[in-house]
């Protein structure tokens, strides 16, 4: 497949977000604001920057109807959006599995809904994966406290050979962030998974299936990243977005055409 048919996109917007209580007591965390826009606008922009036009949003938790009302059919973002519902917090890999029919035979990119990436568009990265010999891949990000995350391990040739979850002594300072590149055979891998000790189907198990053969794709992400999954990281992400906007590195949020039409209709009625 050539890049004339861009990868499809998948945004995961489920989960219970207990680490953000009480902010998420009555709403979905992906609707919380990061600077001047809802959190979900950031993964959408990440996929748009790859040239993706067809996107599925996997919903779960609270206020799923509000997310559909916010994003609608995607035309305000130049996207064609569709939706699936995940029953329960069954993990990232399970949520990816719900997209099997949507993906079909095409390569696809998964972005976690609480991952905030601020930086250059990733079209070249998506193209390198899609047109290359790779089976799966991810973006890696350098952090000073890798022991808090899953950490990438490399061989002497620079190939990723594994991911270790929260090691006491990290073997690198690069961690996989919530952007994953996959092909349709990943669904067979997901079907063969067993739940982890916390009862979820883990994305780390999917990634580890592919490493070690020299066909695992990775790129270091040099922009700004935050996962916005805690109160502290939510504040950090909002401050980073605010600084980026002040420096001209973050465009204005998309103007919802339907709101413009609603205002126009309201004005006509009032007249």
Protein backbone atom coordinates (compact mmCIF):
# COMPACT_ATOMS: atom_id res chain seq x y z
CA UNK A 1 0.00 0.00 0.00
CA UNK A 2 1.37 3.41 -0.89
CA UNK A 3 0.88 6.67 0.91
CA UNK A 4 -1.84 7.62 -1.54
CA UNK A 5 -4.05 5.75 0.94
CA UNK A 6 -3.10 7.25 4.35
CA UNK A 7 -3.15 5.17 7.49
CA UNK A 8 -6.40 5.10 9.39
CA UNK A 9 -6.59 6.58 12.86
CA UNK A 10 -7.87 5.31 16.20
CA UNK A 11 -8.37 7.46 19.30
CA UNK A 12 -8.99 5.75 22.62
CA UNK A 13 -11.24 7.83 24.88
CA UNK A 14 -12.43 5.30 27.45
CA UNK A 15 -11.36 4.45 30.98
CA UNK A 16 -12.58 5.52 34.41
CA UNK A 17 -9.94 8.21 35.12
CA UNK A 18 -9.90 7.55 38.87
CA UNK A 19 -6.58 9.40 39.18
CA UNK A 20 -8.40 12.60 38.22
CA UNK A 21 -11.23 12.37 40.77
CA UNK A 22 -13.15 14.50 41.64
CA UNK A 23 -12.69 16.29 38.30
CA UNK A 24 -14.08 13.24 36.50
CA UNK A 25 -16.91 12.42 38.90
CA UNK A 26 -19.55 13.60 36.43
CA UNK A 27 -17.67 13.91 33.14
CA UNK A 28 -15.26 12.11 30.85
CA UNK A 29 -11.64 13.14 31.39
CA UNK A 30 -11.16 13.62 27.64
CA UNK A 31 -13.53 16.60 27.82
CA UNK A 32 -11.41 18.41 30.42
CA UNK A 33 -9.71 21.57 29.14
CA UNK A 34 -6.06 21.74 28.17
CA UNK A 35 -5.38 25.46 27.73
CA UNK A 36 -8.14 26.71 25.40
CA UNK A 37 -9.65 23.45 24.09
CA UNK A 38 -10.88 20.04 25.22
CA UNK A 39 -8.23 17.36 25.71
CA UNK A 40 -9.56 15.32 22.78
CA UNK A 41 -8.65 18.03 20.29
CA UNK A 42 -4.95 17.22 20.75
CA UNK A 43 -4.98 13.56 19.60
CA UNK A 44 -7.22 14.62 16.75
CA UNK A 45 -4.62 17.17 15.69
CA UNK A 46 -1.87 14.55 16.02
CA UNK A 47 -3.67 12.31 13.52
CA UNK A 48 -4.49 15.23 11.24
CA UNK A 49 -0.81 16.05 11.13
CA UNK A 50 -0.15 12.55 9.80
CA UNK A 51 -2.54 13.07 6.92
CA UNK A 52 -5.14 10.76 8.44
CA UNK A 53 -8.70 11.39 7.33
CA UNK A 54 -10.67 8.36 8.61
CA UNK A 55 -10.74 8.07 12.40
CA UNK A 56 -12.57 5.84 14.87
CA UNK A 57 -13.04 7.07 18.44
CA UNK A 58 -13.44 4.30 21.01
CA UNK A 59 -15.59 5.63 23.83
CA UNK A 60 -16.11 4.48 27.40
CA UNK A 61 -16.81 5.74 30.89
CA UNK A 62 -18.92 8.82 31.51
CA UNK A 63 -20.43 11.45 29.20
CA UNK A 64 -19.88 9.54 25.96
CA UNK A 65 -22.83 11.37 24.42
CA UNK A 66 -21.12 14.68 25.15
CA UNK A 67 -18.05 13.51 23.23
CA UNK A 68 -20.18 12.61 20.21
CA UNK A 69 -21.93 15.98 20.45
CA UNK A 70 -18.56 17.76 20.62
CA UNK A 71 -16.92 15.97 17.70
CA UNK A 72 -20.02 15.08 15.65
CA UNK A 73 -19.11 13.59 12.26
CA UNK A 74 -15.67 15.19 12.24
CA UNK A 75 -16.23 17.69 9.43
CA UNK A 76 -15.09 20.59 11.63
CA UNK A 77 -11.68 18.90 11.75
CA UNK A 78 -11.59 17.77 8.14
CA UNK A 79 -12.08 14.18 9.28
CA UNK A 80 -14.56 11.36 8.80
CA UNK A 81 -15.32 10.14 12.33
CA UNK A 82 -16.98 6.97 13.51
CA UNK A 83 -17.45 5.59 17.02
CA UNK A 84 -17.35 2.34 19.03
CA UNK A 85 -18.20 1.78 22.68
CA UNK A 86 -15.97 -0.19 25.06
CA UNK A 87 -17.85 -1.83 27.92
CA UNK A 88 -15.69 -1.61 31.02
CA UNK A 89 -12.03 -0.75 31.58
CA UNK A 90 -10.55 -3.73 29.75
CA UNK A 91 -7.33 -2.11 28.61
CA UNK A 92 -5.76 -0.47 25.59
CA UNK A 93 -5.27 -3.66 23.61
CA UNK A 94 -8.93 -4.63 24.05
CA UNK A 95 -10.03 -1.19 22.85
CA UNK A 96 -7.82 -1.52 19.77
CA UNK A 97 -9.43 -4.88 19.03
CA UNK A 98 -12.81 -3.17 18.65
CA UNK A 99 -11.55 -1.44 15.50
CA UNK A 100 -10.95 -4.60 13.46
CA UNK A 101 -13.77 -4.05 10.96
CA UNK A 102 -13.02 -0.34 10.70
CA UNK A 103 -9.34 -0.89 9.92
CA UNK A 104 -9.86 -3.62 7.33
CA UNK A 105 -6.58 -4.33 5.55
CA UNK A 106 -4.91 -0.97 6.14
CA UNK A 107 -2.12 0.14 8.45
CA UNK A 108 -3.35 2.30 11.30
CA UNK A 109 -2.18 4.60 14.07
CA UNK A 110 -3.52 4.55 17.62
CA UNK A 111 -3.36 7.67 19.79
CA UNK A 112 -4.42 7.60 23.41
CA UNK A 113 -7.00 10.28 24.11
CA UNK A 114 -5.11 11.75 27.06
CA UNK A 115 -1.79 12.11 25.23
CA UNK A 116 -0.89 15.72 24.48
CA UNK A 117 1.69 16.12 21.71
CA UNK A 118 2.78 19.62 20.75
CA UNK A 119 5.30 19.73 17.95
CA UNK A 120 5.84 19.36 14.20
CA UNK A 121 3.36 17.25 12.18
CA UNK A 122 4.13 13.54 12.00
CA UNK A 123 3.28 12.90 8.34
CA UNK A 124 6.81 11.74 7.52
CA UNK A 125 6.79 9.39 10.51
CA UNK A 126 3.49 7.80 9.46
CA UNK A 127 4.76 7.48 5.90
CA UNK A 128 7.99 5.80 7.03
CA UNK A 129 6.03 3.17 8.93
CA UNK A 130 3.41 2.58 6.25
CA UNK A 131 5.85 2.26 3.36
CA UNK A 132 8.53 0.39 5.31
CA UNK A 133 8.97 -3.30 6.19
CA UNK A 134 7.78 -2.78 9.75
CA UNK A 135 5.22 -4.87 11.62
CA UNK A 136 4.49 -2.47 14.49
CA UNK A 137 5.95 0.59 16.15
CA UNK A 138 5.69 3.48 18.55
CA UNK A 139 7.07 6.90 19.39
CA UNK A 140 9.68 7.10 22.16
CA UNK A 141 10.21 10.07 24.43
CA UNK A 142 13.18 10.94 26.61
CA UNK A 143 12.40 11.45 30.30
CA UNK A 144 14.54 12.03 33.41
CA UNK A 145 12.53 9.59 35.55
CA UNK A 146 12.18 6.53 33.33
CA UNK A 147 11.65 4.26 36.35
CA UNK A 148 8.06 5.60 36.53
CA UNK A 149 7.19 4.25 33.08
CA UNK A 150 7.56 1.35 30.71
CA UNK A 151 11.10 1.66 29.36
CA UNK A 152 12.52 0.67 25.96
CA UNK A 153 15.52 -1.68 25.85
CA UNK A 154 17.87 -1.68 22.83
CA UNK A 155 20.44 -4.01 21.34
CA UNK A 156 23.84 -2.89 20.08
CA UNK A 157 22.40 -2.12 16.63
CA UNK A 158 19.79 0.26 18.03
CA UNK A 159 16.83 -2.09 17.60
CA UNK A 160 14.18 -2.17 20.32
CA UNK A 161 14.31 -5.62 21.91
CA UNK A 162 11.81 -5.17 24.70
CA UNK A 163 9.83 -2.97 27.05
CA UNK A 164 10.18 -3.26 30.80
CA UNK A 165 7.45 -1.91 33.05
CA UNK A 166 8.64 0.50 35.79
CA UNK A 167 12.12 -0.99 36.29
CA UNK A 168 14.12 -0.13 39.40
CA UNK A 169 17.18 0.42 37.19
CA UNK A 170 16.06 1.56 33.70
CA UNK A 171 18.10 0.31 30.73
CA UNK A 172 17.42 3.55 28.83
CA UNK A 173 15.74 6.91 29.33
CA UNK A 174 13.33 6.43 26.43
CA UNK A 175 9.72 5.46 27.07
CA UNK A 176 6.93 4.55 24.64
CA UNK A 177 4.25 7.23 24.60
CA UNK A 178 0.64 6.77 23.58
CA UNK A 179 1.13 6.69 19.81
CA UNK A 180 1.25 3.22 18.25
CA UNK A 181 1.63 2.13 14.64
CA UNK A 182 0.11 -1.24 13.77
CA UNK A 183 -1.01 -3.43 10.90
CA UNK A 184 -4.12 -5.64 10.73
CA UNK A 185 -2.31 -8.76 11.94
CA UNK A 186 -2.19 -7.07 15.36
CA UNK A 187 -5.81 -8.12 15.85
CA UNK A 188 -4.75 -11.77 15.82
CA UNK A 189 -2.12 -10.99 18.45
CA UNK A 190 -4.75 -9.26 20.61
CA UNK A 191 -7.08 -12.25 20.34
CA UNK A 192 -4.35 -14.44 21.82
CA UNK A 193 -3.68 -12.23 24.86
CA UNK A 194 -4.61 -13.05 28.43
CA UNK A 195 -5.59 -10.35 30.93
CA UNK A 196 -2.83 -8.97 33.12
CA UNK A 197 -2.87 -9.04 36.89
CA UNK A 198 -5.04 -5.92 36.91
CA UNK A 199 -7.58 -7.56 34.59
CA UNK A 200 -6.70 -5.61 31.45
CA UNK A 201 -5.35 -6.51 28.02
CA UNK A 202 -2.07 -4.63 27.86
CA UNK A 203 -0.58 -2.78 24.89
CA UNK A 204 2.91 -3.69 26.19
CA UNK A 205 2.14 -7.35 25.46
CA UNK A 206 1.22 -6.44 21.88
CA UNK A 207 4.42 -4.43 21.37
CA UNK A 208 6.61 -7.12 22.91
CA UNK A 209 5.19 -9.63 20.42
CA UNK A 210 6.87 -7.71 17.60
CA UNK A 211 10.20 -6.64 19.05
CA UNK A 212 13.44 -8.51 18.50
CA UNK A 213 13.09 -9.30 14.79
CA UNK A 214 14.42 -5.98 13.51
CA UNK A 215 11.02 -5.06 12.08
CA UNK A 216 9.85 -2.93 14.98
CA UNK A 217 9.52 0.75 14.08
CA UNK A 218 10.39 3.57 16.43
CA UNK A 219 11.10 7.26 16.24
CA UNK A 220 12.14 9.62 19.00
CA UNK A 221 9.57 12.35 19.56
CA UNK A 222 11.31 15.68 20.05
CA UNK A 223 8.25 17.85 20.63
CA UNK A 224 6.49 18.33 23.96
CA UNK A 225 4.52 15.44 25.44
CA UNK A 226 2.34 14.82 28.46
CA UNK A 227 -0.14 12.07 29.23
CA UNK A 228 -2.55 14.36 31.22
CA UNK A 229 -3.71 11.37 33.27
CA UNK A 230 -3.17 12.94 36.70
CA UNK A 231 -3.95 16.34 38.14
CA UNK A 232 -0.26 17.26 38.05
CA UNK A 233 0.23 16.17 34.43
CA UNK A 234 -3.05 17.86 33.45
CA UNK A 235 -1.72 21.16 34.79
CA UNK A 236 1.68 20.56 33.16
CA UNK A 237 0.05 19.86 29.79
CA UNK A 238 -2.09 23.00 30.02
CA UNK A 239 0.91 25.18 30.87
CA UNK A 240 2.93 23.67 28.02
CA UNK A 241 0.07 24.32 25.60
CA UNK A 242 -0.29 27.89 26.87
CA UNK A 243 3.42 28.59 26.33
CA UNK A 244 3.28 27.00 22.86
CA UNK A 245 0.32 29.18 21.93
CA UNK A 246 2.09 32.31 23.19
CA UNK A 247 5.11 31.43 21.02
CA UNK A 248 2.96 30.81 17.96
CA UNK A 249 3.46 27.02 17.96
CA UNK A 250 -0.16 26.11 18.69
CA UNK A 251 -2.85 27.16 16.25
CA UNK A 252 -6.33 28.25 17.22
CA UNK A 253 -8.83 25.48 17.91
CA UNK A 254 -11.05 24.60 14.96
CA UNK A 255 -14.15 26.75 14.61
CA UNK A 256 -17.24 24.54 14.70
CA UNK A 257 -19.23 25.27 11.57
CA UNK A 258 -22.41 23.91 13.11
CA UNK A 259 -22.14 26.47 15.92
CA UNK A 260 -21.85 29.19 13.35
CA UNK A 261 -24.95 27.89 11.63
CA UNK A 262 -26.75 27.65 14.97
CA UNK A 263 -25.86 31.25 15.81
CA UNK A 264 -26.97 32.40 12.39
CA UNK A 265 -30.27 30.58 12.70
CA UNK A 266 -30.77 31.96 16.18
CA UNK A 267 -30.10 35.47 14.96
CA UNK A 268 -32.56 35.08 12.10
CA UNK A 269 -35.21 33.80 14.47
CA UNK A 270 -34.66 36.69 16.86
CA UNK A 271 -35.00 39.16 14.06
